[in-house]
Amino acid sequence: MQIISNIALITINETLFIQLISFLIFLFFINRIMFRPLRSEMSKRDSFIAGMKQDIVDAGHNLSDLNIQLKKGESEVRKEALGLKAELEEKGAAEASAIMQTARDEVAVIISAAEVEVDSEIGAARKFLTKESEALAVGIMEKVLDRRLN
């Protein structure tokens, strides 16, 4: 080999072909050792990411379905609660009317007892007033007549 002194960056001689063959062998090995496994891992990663995206979409659909079912369940529970509320209100109104009726019956009994008592007191007062008025009338007649009456 001879040393050629030249300022140019590339010189065309037998070393160029050896470097070219060395570079091609290097590319062959680097492709086998590095690029093929890297590409396969990248494709695995891409398929994994695509699978994850599909899982996310499926989970979103499931979430939507669950929300719809939850709203349906909530509306059913609300309807049931309103039915129970109406039933309890009817039951309460029936109990209130029963309590009011018993209170009215008790008031009627108390009023009738009070009327009987008032009637007996009025009768006793009439007897007393009759006796008093007779005695007063006799007293007035005795004073007017100036004599004693039997």
C-alpha atoms as a PDB file:
ATOM      1  CA  MET A   1       0.000   0.000   0.000  1.00  0.00           C
ATOM      2  CA  GLN A   2       1.142   3.315  -0.729  1.00  0.00           C
ATOM      3  CA  ILE A   3       0.387   6.508   1.048  1.00  0.00           C
ATOM      4  CA  ILE A   4      -1.138   9.081  -1.101  1.00  0.00           C
ATOM      5  CA  SER A   5      -1.065  12.547   0.144  1.00  0.00           C
ATOM      6  CA  ASN A   6      -4.106  14.318  -1.028  1.00  0.00           C
ATOM      7  CA  ILE A   7      -6.194  17.022   0.503  1.00  0.00           C
ATOM      8  CA  ALA A   8      -9.489  15.559  -0.696  1.00  0.00           C
ATOM      9  CA  LEU A   9     -11.733  13.829   1.815  1.00  0.00           C
ATOM     10  CA  ILE A  10     -12.376  10.707  -0.246  1.00  0.00           C
ATOM     11  CA  THR A  11      -9.880   9.014  -2.393  1.00  0.00           C
ATOM     12  CA  ILE A  12     -10.847   6.189  -4.638  1.00  0.00           C
ATOM     13  CA  ASN A  13      -8.514   3.243  -4.069  1.00  0.00           C
ATOM     14  CA  GLU A  14      -8.652  -0.349  -2.779  1.00  0.00           C
ATOM     15  CA  THR A  15      -9.429   0.727   0.819  1.00  0.00           C
ATOM     16  CA  LEU A  16     -12.690   2.227  -0.346  1.00  0.00           C
ATOM     17  CA  PHE A  17     -13.962  -1.174  -1.439  1.00  0.00           C
ATOM     18  CA  ILE A  18     -12.810  -2.800   1.796  1.00  0.00           C
ATOM     19  CA  GLN A  19     -14.544  -0.082   3.831  1.00  0.00           C
ATOM     20  CA  LEU A  20     -17.664  -0.501   1.726  1.00  0.00           C
ATOM     21  CA  ILE A  21     -17.712  -4.264   2.311  1.00  0.00           C
ATOM     22  CA  SER A  22     -17.031  -3.725   6.048  1.00  0.00           C
ATOM     23  CA  PHE A  23     -19.893  -1.215   6.220  1.00  0.00           C
ATOM     24  CA  LEU A  24     -22.287  -3.619   4.480  1.00  0.00           C
ATOM     25  CA  ILE A  25     -21.316  -6.430   6.854  1.00  0.00           C
ATOM     26  CA  PHE A  26     -21.817  -4.022   9.773  1.00  0.00           C
ATOM     27  CA  LEU A  27     -25.279  -3.076   8.438  1.00  0.00           C
ATOM     28  CA  PHE A  28     -26.174  -6.738   8.070  1.00  0.00           C
ATOM     29  CA  PHE A  29     -25.219  -7.511  11.698  1.00  0.00           C
ATOM     30  CA  ILE A  30     -26.727  -4.370  13.148  1.00  0.00           C
ATOM     31  CA  ASN A  31     -29.946  -5.109  11.268  1.00  0.00           C
ATOM     32  CA  ARG A  32     -30.028  -8.665  12.678  1.00  0.00           C
ATOM     33  CA  ILE A  33     -28.972  -7.760  16.195  1.00  0.00           C
ATOM     34  CA  MET A  34     -30.632  -4.399  16.732  1.00  0.00           C
ATOM     35  CA  PHE A  35     -33.166  -3.189  14.171  1.00  0.00           C
ATOM     36  CA  ARG A  36     -35.238  -6.353  13.701  1.00  0.00           C
ATOM     37  CA  PRO A  37     -35.786  -6.939  17.474  1.00  0.00           C
ATOM     38  CA  LEU A  38     -36.431  -3.235  17.910  1.00  0.00           C
ATOM     39  CA  ARG A  39     -39.018  -3.229  15.117  1.00  0.00           C
ATOM     40  CA  SER A  40     -40.698  -6.336  16.528  1.00  0.00           C
ATOM     41  CA  GLU A  41     -40.845  -4.735  20.002  1.00  0.00           C
ATOM     42  CA  MET A  42     -42.227  -1.542  18.471  1.00  0.00           C
ATOM     43  CA  SER A  43     -44.939  -3.505  16.642  1.00  0.00           C
ATOM     44  CA  LYS A  44     -45.762  -5.368  19.870  1.00  0.00           C
ATOM     45  CA  ARG A  45     -45.979  -2.047  21.673  1.00  0.00           C
ATOM     46  CA  ASP A  46     -48.217  -0.590  18.955  1.00  0.00           C
ATOM     47  CA  SER A  47     -50.522  -3.603  19.091  1.00  0.00           C
ATOM     48  CA  PHE A  48     -50.586  -3.360  22.895  1.00  0.00           C
ATOM     49  CA  ILE A  49     -51.469   0.355  22.708  1.00  0.00           C
ATOM     50  CA  ALA A  50     -54.174  -0.384  20.123  1.00  0.00           C
ATOM     51  CA  GLY A  51     -55.552  -3.094  22.438  1.00  0.00           C
ATOM     52  CA  MET A  52     -55.516  -0.673  25.350  1.00  0.00           C
ATOM     53  CA  LYS A  53     -57.352   1.933  23.258  1.00  0.00           C
ATOM     54  CA  GLN A  54     -59.981  -0.659  22.357  1.00  0.00           C
ATOM     55  CA  ASP A  55     -60.271  -1.632  26.023  1.00  0.00           C
ATOM     56  CA  ILE A  56     -60.753   2.035  26.919  1.00  0.00           C
ATOM     57  CA  VAL A  57     -63.482   2.384  24.289  1.00  0.00           C
ATOM     58  CA  ASP A  58     -65.162  -0.804  25.561  1.00  0.00           C
ATOM     59  CA  ALA A  59     -64.914   0.437  29.150  1.00  0.00           C
ATOM     60  CA  GLY A  60     -66.494   3.739  28.050  1.00  0.00           C
ATOM     61  CA  HIS A  61     -69.388   1.838  26.459  1.00  0.00           C
ATOM     62  CA  ASN A  62     -69.762  -0.270  29.599  1.00  0.00           C
ATOM     63  CA  LEU A  63     -69.737   2.878  31.700  1.00  0.00           C
ATOM     64  CA  SER A  64     -72.450   4.401  29.517  1.00  0.00           C
ATOM     65  CA  ASP A  65     -74.534   1.236  29.837  1.00  0.00           C
ATOM     66  CA  LEU A  66     -74.054   1.231  33.612  1.00  0.00           C
ATOM     67  CA  ASN A  67     -75.065   4.899  33.804  1.00  0.00           C
ATOM     68  CA  ILE A  68     -78.220   4.162  31.827  1.00  0.00           C
ATOM     69  CA  GLN A  69     -79.023   1.195  34.071  1.00  0.00           C
ATOM     70  CA  LEU A  70     -78.330   3.309  37.138  1.00  0.00           C
ATOM     71  CA  LYS A  71     -80.697   6.031  35.922  1.00  0.00           C
ATOM     72  CA  LYS A  72     -83.384   3.435  35.175  1.00  0.00           C
ATOM     73  CA  GLY A  73     -82.908   1.927  38.618  1.00  0.00           C
ATOM     74  CA  GLU A  74     -83.032   5.359  40.184  1.00  0.00           C
ATOM     75  CA  SER A  75     -86.281   6.205  38.392  1.00  0.00           C
ATOM     76  CA  GLU A  76     -87.780   2.863  39.453  1.00  0.00           C
ATOM     77  CA  VAL A  77     -86.757   3.480  43.055  1.00  0.00           C
ATOM     78  CA  ARG A  78     -88.223   6.983  42.896  1.00  0.00           C
ATOM     79  CA  LYS A  79     -91.505   5.608  41.543  1.00  0.00           C
ATOM     80  CA  GLU A  80     -91.553   2.997  44.276  1.00  0.00           C
ATOM     81  CA  ALA A  81     -90.791   5.648  46.899  1.00  0.00           C
ATOM     82  CA  LEU A  82     -93.586   7.856  45.582  1.00  0.00           C
ATOM     83  CA  GLY A  83     -95.957   4.883  45.714  1.00  0.00           C
ATOM     84  CA  LEU A  84     -94.915   4.158  49.294  1.00  0.00           C
ATOM     85  CA  LYS A  85     -95.294   7.832  50.159  1.00  0.00           C
ATOM     86  CA  ALA A  86     -98.807   7.916  48.705  1.00  0.00           C
ATOM     87  CA  GLU A  87     -99.666   4.695  50.521  1.00  0.00           C
ATOM     88  CA  LEU A  88     -98.365   6.083  53.814  1.00  0.00           C
ATOM     89  CA  GLU A  89    -100.247   9.336  53.266  1.00  0.00           C
ATOM     90  CA  GLU A  90    -103.474   7.405  52.642  1.00  0.00           C
ATOM     91  CA  LYS A  91    -102.832   5.279  55.716  1.00  0.00           C
ATOM     92  CA  GLY A  92    -102.092   8.412  57.768  1.00  0.00           C
ATOM     93  CA  ALA A  93    -105.223  10.130  56.477  1.00  0.00           C
ATOM     94  CA  ALA A  94    -107.296   7.050  57.381  1.00  0.00           C
ATOM     95  CA  GLU A  95    -105.765   6.969  60.855  1.00  0.00           C
ATOM     96  CA  ALA A  96    -106.325  10.708  61.252  1.00  0.00           C
ATOM     97  CA  SER A  97    -109.968  10.387  60.230  1.00  0.00           C
ATOM     98  CA  ALA A  98    -110.368   7.434  62.640  1.00  0.00           C
ATOM     99  CA  ILE A  99    -108.811   9.487  65.446  1.00  0.00           C
ATOM    100  CA  MET A 100    -111.024  12.453  64.559  1.00  0.00           C
ATOM    101  CA  GLN A 101    -114.109  10.206  64.558  1.00  0.00           C
ATOM    102  CA  THR A 102    -113.249   8.763  67.975  1.00  0.00           C
ATOM    103  CA  ALA A 103    -112.612  12.286  69.242  1.00  0.00           C
ATOM    104  CA  ARG A 104    -116.005  13.387  67.857  1.00  0.00           C
ATOM    105  CA  ASP A 105    -117.665  10.388  69.496  1.00  0.00           C
ATOM    106  CA  GLU A 106    -115.975  11.203  72.807  1.00  0.00           C
ATOM    107  CA  VAL A 107    -117.009  14.853  72.462  1.00  0.00           C
ATOM    108  CA  ALA A 108    -120.594  13.762  71.732  1.00  0.00           C
ATOM    109  CA  VAL A 109    -120.571  11.556  74.859  1.00  0.00           C
ATOM    110  CA  ILE A 110    -119.118  14.401  76.927  1.00  0.00           C
ATOM    111  CA  ILE A 111    -121.713  16.829  75.495  1.00  0.00           C
ATOM    112  CA  SER A 112    -124.584  14.454  76.219  1.00  0.00           C
ATOM    113  CA  ALA A 113    -123.268  13.907  79.770  1.00  0.00           C
ATOM    114  CA  ALA A 114    -122.927  17.675  80.206  1.00  0.00           C
ATOM    115  CA  GLU A 115    -126.476  18.193  78.858  1.00  0.00           C
ATOM    116  CA  VAL A 116    -127.834  15.637  81.329  1.00  0.00           C
ATOM    117  CA  GLU A 117    -125.938  17.326  84.163  1.00  0.00           C
ATOM    118  CA  VAL A 118    -127.069  20.800  83.055  1.00  0.00           C
ATOM    119  CA  ASP A 119    -130.683  19.573  82.764  1.00  0.00           C
ATOM    120  CA  SER A 120    -130.549  18.088  86.285  1.00  0.00           C
ATOM    121  CA  GLU A 121    -128.995  21.314  87.650  1.00  0.00           C
ATOM    122  CA  ILE A 122    -131.650  23.380  85.819  1.00  0.00           C
ATOM    123  CA  GLY A 123    -134.367  21.134  87.323  1.00  0.00           C
ATOM    124  CA  ALA A 124    -132.851  21.533  90.790  1.00  0.00           C
ATOM    125  CA  ALA A 125    -132.538  25.298  90.280  1.00  0.00           C
ATOM    126  CA  ARG A 126    -136.207  25.483  89.166  1.00  0.00           C
ATOM    127  CA  LYS A 127    -137.323  23.603  92.282  1.00  0.00           C
ATOM    128  CA  PHE A 128    -135.183  25.871  94.424  1.00  0.00           C
ATOM    129  CA  LEU A 129    -136.408  29.004  92.649  1.00  0.00           C
ATOM    130  CA  THR A 130    -140.004  27.797  92.876  1.00  0.00           C
ATOM    131  CA  LYS A 131    -139.681  27.336  96.639  1.00  0.00           C
ATOM    132  CA  GLU A 132    -137.898  30.676  96.993  1.00  0.00           C
ATOM    133  CA  SER A 133    -140.408  32.507  94.806  1.00  0.00           C
ATOM    134  CA  GLU A 134    -143.321  31.007  96.787  1.00  0.00           C
ATOM    135  CA  ALA A 135    -141.706  32.039 100.057  1.00  0.00           C
ATOM    136  CA  LEU A 136    -140.979  35.499  98.661  1.00  0.00           C
ATOM    137  CA  ALA A 137    -144.521  35.823  97.354  1.00  0.00           C
ATOM    138  CA  VAL A 138    -145.940  34.816 100.768  1.00  0.00           C
ATOM    139  CA  GLY A 139    -143.632  37.299 102.457  1.00  0.00           C
ATOM    140  CA  ILE A 140    -144.687  40.083 100.074  1.00  0.00           C
ATOM    141  CA  MET A 141    -148.376  39.244 100.552  1.00  0.00           C
ATOM    142  CA  GLU A 142    -148.000  39.244 104.336  1.00  0.00           C
ATOM    143  CA  LYS A 143    -146.350  42.650 104.247  1.00  0.00           C
ATOM    144  CA  VAL A 144    -148.946  44.032 101.856  1.00  0.00           C
ATOM    145  CA  LEU A 145    -151.844  42.608 103.829  1.00  0.00           C
ATOM    146  CA  ASP A 146    -150.270  43.179 107.207  1.00  0.00           C
ATOM    147  CA  ARG A 147    -151.188  39.765 108.421  1.00  0.00           C
ATOM    148  CA  ARG A 148    -149.844  36.317 108.571  1.00  0.00           C
ATOM    149  CA  LEU A 149    -150.740  33.697 105.891  1.00  0.00           C
ATOM    150  CA  ASN A 150    -150.610  29.976 106.326  1.00  0.00           C
END
